[in-house]
Amino acid sequence: MSITPQELELLMQEVEKEDPIDFADLPFEEEELRGLIANHLCEMADAMENFSEEDKHLTLLAVAAKLVLENLVLHVQMLRQHDVPLNQTTEALLSRLRRKD
């Protein structure tokens, strides 16, 4: 892999400056979680070493899409649990998805 887990952690922190993660009161250290994820992703990338470039891109795109979907679902569930109304952007997205049914 062309990036180490430590370098990936630094990149993650840079991205988080624009879009911070609310770790709330999780019983884990932020740095430990970031390190765990960076190691996992580097291992995943190493496992794709024999993939074609197109297959690597498609796999990473599929993983990213799954994570964004999971994040959306968890966010909406959390808002509903706390009776917090959805913001306009989220409501518009969900309305668009409902109309496709």
N, C-alpha and C. Protein backbone atom coordinates (compact mmCIF):
# COMPACT_ATOMS: atom_id res chain seq x y z
N MET A 1 0.85 -1.18 0.00
CA MET A 1 0.00 0.00 0.00
C MET A 1 0.89 1.24 0.00
N SER A 2 0.45 2.26 -0.67
CA SER A 2 1.27 3.46 -0.80
C SER A 2 1.07 4.44 0.35
N ILE A 3 0.26 4.10 1.33
CA ILE A 3 0.04 4.96 2.50
C ILE A 3 0.06 4.08 3.74
N THR A 4 0.67 4.61 4.78
CA THR A 4 0.70 3.86 6.04
C THR A 4 -0.55 4.20 6.84
N PRO A 5 -0.89 3.35 7.80
CA PRO A 5 -2.03 3.66 8.66
C PRO A 5 -1.86 5.01 9.37
N GLN A 6 -0.64 5.34 9.77
CA GLN A 6 -0.39 6.61 10.45
C GLN A 6 -0.65 7.80 9.51
N GLU A 7 -0.24 7.66 8.26
CA GLU A 7 -0.49 8.73 7.29
C GLU A 7 -1.99 8.87 7.02
N LEU A 8 -2.67 7.73 6.97
CA LEU A 8 -4.12 7.76 6.76
C LEU A 8 -4.82 8.43 7.95
N GLU A 9 -4.35 8.14 9.15
CA GLU A 9 -4.92 8.80 10.33
C GLU A 9 -4.78 10.32 10.23
N LEU A 10 -3.64 10.79 9.77
CA LEU A 10 -3.44 12.23 9.61
C LEU A 10 -4.39 12.81 8.57
N LEU A 11 -4.60 12.08 7.48
CA LEU A 11 -5.55 12.52 6.46
C LEU A 11 -6.97 12.56 7.02
N MET A 12 -7.30 11.56 7.82
CA MET A 12 -8.63 11.52 8.43
C MET A 12 -8.83 12.76 9.31
N GLN A 13 -7.81 13.12 10.08
CA GLN A 13 -7.90 14.30 10.94
C GLN A 13 -8.06 15.57 10.12
N GLU A 14 -7.41 15.64 8.98
CA GLU A 14 -7.55 16.81 8.11
C GLU A 14 -8.98 16.93 7.59
N VAL A 15 -9.56 15.80 7.18
CA VAL A 15 -10.94 15.79 6.69
C VAL A 15 -11.89 16.18 7.82
N GLU A 16 -11.61 15.71 9.01
CA GLU A 16 -12.46 15.99 10.16
C GLU A 16 -12.47 17.47 10.54
N LYS A 17 -11.45 18.21 10.13
CA LYS A 17 -11.44 19.65 10.42
C LYS A 17 -12.62 20.32 9.72
N GLU A 18 -12.96 19.86 8.53
CA GLU A 18 -14.08 20.42 7.77
C GLU A 18 -15.42 19.83 8.21
N ASP A 19 -15.40 18.58 8.65
CA ASP A 19 -16.62 17.88 9.03
C ASP A 19 -16.35 17.04 10.28
N PRO A 20 -16.32 17.68 11.45
CA PRO A 20 -15.96 16.97 12.68
C PRO A 20 -16.92 15.83 13.02
N ILE A 21 -16.37 14.82 13.65
CA ILE A 21 -17.15 13.67 14.10
C ILE A 21 -17.49 13.89 15.57
N ASP A 22 -18.75 13.67 15.91
CA ASP A 22 -19.18 13.79 17.30
C ASP A 22 -19.03 12.43 17.96
N PHE A 23 -17.95 12.25 18.69
CA PHE A 23 -17.70 10.99 19.37
C PHE A 23 -18.53 10.85 20.64
N ALA A 24 -19.21 11.94 21.00
CA ALA A 24 -20.11 11.99 22.17
C ALA A 24 -19.43 11.38 23.39
N ASP A 25 -20.13 10.46 24.02
CA ASP A 25 -19.58 9.87 25.23
C ASP A 25 -19.21 8.40 25.03
N LEU A 26 -18.72 8.09 23.84
CA LEU A 26 -18.30 6.71 23.60
C LEU A 26 -17.18 6.32 24.56
N PRO A 27 -17.19 5.08 25.01
CA PRO A 27 -16.17 4.66 25.98
C PRO A 27 -14.85 4.27 25.31
N PHE A 28 -14.47 4.99 24.24
CA PHE A 28 -13.23 4.73 23.51
C PHE A 28 -12.53 6.05 23.25
N GLU A 29 -11.23 5.99 23.11
CA GLU A 29 -10.47 7.18 22.76
C GLU A 29 -10.58 7.42 21.25
N GLU A 30 -10.74 8.67 20.87
CA GLU A 30 -10.85 9.02 19.45
C GLU A 30 -9.65 8.50 18.66
N GLU A 31 -8.45 8.67 19.22
CA GLU A 31 -7.23 8.26 18.52
C GLU A 31 -7.20 6.75 18.30
N GLU A 32 -7.68 6.00 19.29
CA GLU A 32 -7.72 4.54 19.16
C GLU A 32 -8.68 4.12 18.06
N LEU A 33 -9.85 4.75 18.02
CA LEU A 33 -10.83 4.42 16.98
C LEU A 33 -10.29 4.78 15.60
N ARG A 34 -9.69 5.96 15.50
CA ARG A 34 -9.12 6.40 14.22
C ARG A 34 -8.04 5.42 13.76
N GLY A 35 -7.19 5.00 14.70
CA GLY A 35 -6.12 4.05 14.38
C GLY A 35 -6.66 2.70 13.94
N LEU A 36 -7.70 2.24 14.64
CA LEU A 36 -8.33 0.96 14.28
C LEU A 36 -8.86 0.99 12.84
N ILE A 37 -9.54 2.08 12.51
CA ILE A 37 -10.12 2.21 11.17
C ILE A 37 -9.02 2.35 10.12
N ALA A 38 -8.01 3.15 10.41
CA ALA A 38 -6.91 3.33 9.45
C ALA A 38 -6.21 2.00 9.17
N ASN A 39 -5.95 1.23 10.22
CA ASN A 39 -5.33 -0.09 10.03
C ASN A 39 -6.21 -1.00 9.20
N HIS A 40 -7.51 -1.02 9.51
CA HIS A 40 -8.43 -1.88 8.78
C HIS A 40 -8.48 -1.53 7.29
N LEU A 41 -8.55 -0.23 7.00
CA LEU A 41 -8.63 0.19 5.60
C LEU A 41 -7.33 -0.09 4.85
N CYS A 42 -6.20 0.07 5.50
CA CYS A 42 -4.93 -0.25 4.85
C CYS A 42 -4.82 -1.75 4.59
N GLU A 43 -5.30 -2.56 5.52
CA GLU A 43 -5.31 -4.01 5.32
C GLU A 43 -6.24 -4.37 4.15
N MET A 44 -7.39 -3.70 4.08
CA MET A 44 -8.32 -3.96 2.99
C MET A 44 -7.69 -3.59 1.65
N ALA A 45 -7.01 -2.45 1.62
CA ALA A 45 -6.36 -2.02 0.38
C ALA A 45 -5.25 -2.99 -0.01
N ASP A 46 -4.49 -3.47 0.96
CA ASP A 46 -3.44 -4.46 0.68
C ASP A 46 -4.03 -5.74 0.12
N ALA A 47 -5.20 -6.14 0.61
CA ALA A 47 -5.85 -7.36 0.14
C ALA A 47 -6.31 -7.23 -1.31
N MET A 48 -6.43 -6.00 -1.79
CA MET A 48 -6.86 -5.77 -3.18
C MET A 48 -5.67 -5.57 -4.11
N GLU A 49 -4.49 -5.87 -3.63
CA GLU A 49 -3.27 -5.64 -4.40
C GLU A 49 -3.32 -6.26 -5.80
N ASN A 50 -3.94 -7.42 -5.93
CA ASN A 50 -4.00 -8.11 -7.22
C ASN A 50 -5.23 -7.73 -8.05
N PHE A 51 -6.05 -6.83 -7.54
CA PHE A 51 -7.22 -6.36 -8.29
C PHE A 51 -6.76 -5.45 -9.42
N SER A 52 -7.54 -5.39 -10.46
CA SER A 52 -7.28 -4.39 -11.51
C SER A 52 -7.59 -3.02 -10.91
N GLU A 53 -7.09 -1.96 -11.53
CA GLU A 53 -7.37 -0.61 -11.04
C GLU A 53 -8.87 -0.33 -11.02
N GLU A 54 -9.56 -0.78 -12.06
CA GLU A 54 -11.01 -0.57 -12.12
C GLU A 54 -11.71 -1.28 -10.97
N ASP A 55 -11.32 -2.53 -10.70
CA ASP A 55 -11.93 -3.28 -9.60
C ASP A 55 -11.62 -2.65 -8.25
N LYS A 56 -10.41 -2.11 -8.08
CA LYS A 56 -10.07 -1.40 -6.83
C LYS A 56 -10.98 -0.20 -6.65
N HIS A 57 -11.14 0.59 -7.69
CA HIS A 57 -11.99 1.78 -7.60
C HIS A 57 -13.44 1.40 -7.33
N LEU A 58 -13.94 0.38 -8.02
CA LEU A 58 -15.32 -0.05 -7.80
C LEU A 58 -15.53 -0.57 -6.38
N THR A 59 -14.57 -1.33 -5.87
CA THR A 59 -14.68 -1.86 -4.51
C THR A 59 -14.67 -0.73 -3.49
N LEU A 60 -13.75 0.21 -3.64
CA LEU A 60 -13.68 1.33 -2.70
C LEU A 60 -14.92 2.22 -2.80
N LEU A 61 -15.46 2.37 -4.00
CA LEU A 61 -16.69 3.15 -4.17
C LEU A 61 -17.86 2.45 -3.48
N ALA A 62 -17.93 1.12 -3.64
CA ALA A 62 -19.00 0.36 -2.99
C ALA A 62 -18.89 0.45 -1.46
N VAL A 63 -17.68 0.37 -0.93
CA VAL A 63 -17.47 0.47 0.51
C VAL A 63 -17.87 1.86 0.99
N ALA A 64 -17.45 2.90 0.27
CA ALA A 64 -17.80 4.27 0.65
C ALA A 64 -19.31 4.48 0.61
N ALA A 65 -19.97 3.97 -0.43
CA ALA A 65 -21.42 4.13 -0.56
C ALA A 65 -22.14 3.43 0.60
N LYS A 66 -21.69 2.25 0.96
CA LYS A 66 -22.29 1.52 2.07
C LYS A 66 -22.13 2.30 3.37
N LEU A 67 -20.96 2.88 3.60
CA LEU A 67 -20.72 3.63 4.82
C LEU A 67 -21.55 4.91 4.89
N VAL A 68 -21.70 5.58 3.76
CA VAL A 68 -22.52 6.80 3.73
C VAL A 68 -23.98 6.44 4.01
N LEU A 69 -24.46 5.35 3.41
CA LEU A 69 -25.83 4.90 3.66
C LEU A 69 -26.01 4.54 5.13
N GLU A 70 -25.07 3.79 5.68
CA GLU A 70 -25.16 3.40 7.09
C GLU A 70 -25.16 4.64 7.99
N ASN A 71 -24.33 5.62 7.66
CA ASN A 71 -24.28 6.86 8.42
C ASN A 71 -25.62 7.59 8.36
N LEU A 72 -26.21 7.66 7.18
CA LEU A 72 -27.52 8.32 7.03
C LEU A 72 -28.57 7.62 7.87
N VAL A 73 -28.62 6.30 7.79
CA VAL A 73 -29.62 5.53 8.54
C VAL A 73 -29.44 5.74 10.04
N LEU A 74 -28.21 5.65 10.53
CA LEU A 74 -27.97 5.83 11.96
C LEU A 74 -28.31 7.25 12.41
N HIS A 75 -28.00 8.22 11.57
CA HIS A 75 -28.30 9.62 11.90
C HIS A 75 -29.82 9.84 12.00
N VAL A 76 -30.56 9.34 11.03
CA VAL A 76 -32.01 9.49 11.05
C VAL A 76 -32.61 8.76 12.25
N GLN A 77 -32.13 7.55 12.53
CA GLN A 77 -32.61 6.81 13.69
C GLN A 77 -32.37 7.58 14.98
N MET A 78 -31.18 8.17 15.10
CA MET A 78 -30.85 8.93 16.30
C MET A 78 -31.76 10.14 16.45
N LEU A 79 -32.00 10.85 15.35
CA LEU A 79 -32.88 12.02 15.40
C LEU A 79 -34.29 11.62 15.81
N ARG A 80 -34.78 10.53 15.24
CA ARG A 80 -36.12 10.06 15.60
C ARG A 80 -36.20 9.64 17.06
N GLN A 81 -35.16 8.98 17.55
CA GLN A 81 -35.13 8.55 18.95
C GLN A 81 -35.27 9.72 19.90
N HIS A 82 -34.70 10.84 19.51
CA HIS A 82 -34.70 12.03 20.37
C HIS A 82 -35.75 13.05 19.94
N ASP A 83 -36.66 12.63 19.07
CA ASP A 83 -37.74 13.50 18.58
C ASP A 83 -37.23 14.82 18.03
N VAL A 84 -36.10 14.75 17.31
CA VAL A 84 -35.53 15.93 16.68
C VAL A 84 -35.98 15.93 15.22
N PRO A 85 -36.57 17.02 14.75
CA PRO A 85 -37.01 17.05 13.35
C PRO A 85 -35.81 17.01 12.40
N LEU A 86 -36.04 16.41 11.25
CA LEU A 86 -34.98 16.33 10.24
C LEU A 86 -34.76 17.70 9.64
N ASN A 87 -33.51 17.99 9.27
CA ASN A 87 -33.26 19.26 8.60
C ASN A 87 -33.80 19.20 7.18
N GLN A 88 -33.87 20.33 6.51
CA GLN A 88 -34.48 20.41 5.17
C GLN A 88 -33.77 19.52 4.17
N THR A 89 -32.45 19.46 4.23
CA THR A 89 -31.69 18.65 3.27
C THR A 89 -32.01 17.18 3.42
N THR A 90 -32.00 16.70 4.65
CA THR A 90 -32.30 15.28 4.91
C THR A 90 -33.74 14.96 4.55
N GLU A 91 -34.65 15.83 4.92
CA GLU A 91 -36.07 15.62 4.61
C GLU A 91 -36.29 15.59 3.10
N ALA A 92 -35.63 16.48 2.36
CA ALA A 92 -35.75 16.51 0.90
C ALA A 92 -35.21 15.22 0.29
N LEU A 93 -34.08 14.74 0.80
CA LEU A 93 -33.50 13.50 0.29
C LEU A 93 -34.44 12.32 0.54
N LEU A 94 -34.96 12.23 1.75
CA LEU A 94 -35.87 11.13 2.06
C LEU A 94 -37.16 11.22 1.26
N SER A 95 -37.65 12.44 1.02
CA SER A 95 -38.87 12.62 0.20
C SER A 95 -38.62 12.15 -1.22
N ARG A 96 -37.46 12.49 -1.75
CA ARG A 96 -37.11 12.03 -3.11
C ARG A 96 -37.07 10.53 -3.17
N LEU A 97 -36.50 9.90 -2.15
CA LEU A 97 -36.41 8.44 -2.12
C LEU A 97 -37.80 7.80 -2.00
N ARG A 98 -38.68 8.43 -1.21
CA ARG A 98 -40.05 7.89 -1.06
C ARG A 98 -40.80 7.93 -2.36
N ARG A 99 -40.63 8.97 -3.17
CA ARG A 99 -41.35 9.11 -4.45
C ARG A 99 -40.94 8.06 -5.46
N LYS A 100 -39.76 7.48 -5.30
CA LYS A 100 -39.28 6.46 -6.25
C LYS A 100 -39.97 5.13 -6.04
N ASP A 101 -40.69 4.97 -4.92
CA ASP A 101 -41.41 3.71 -4.65
C ASP A 101 -42.53 3.57 -5.57
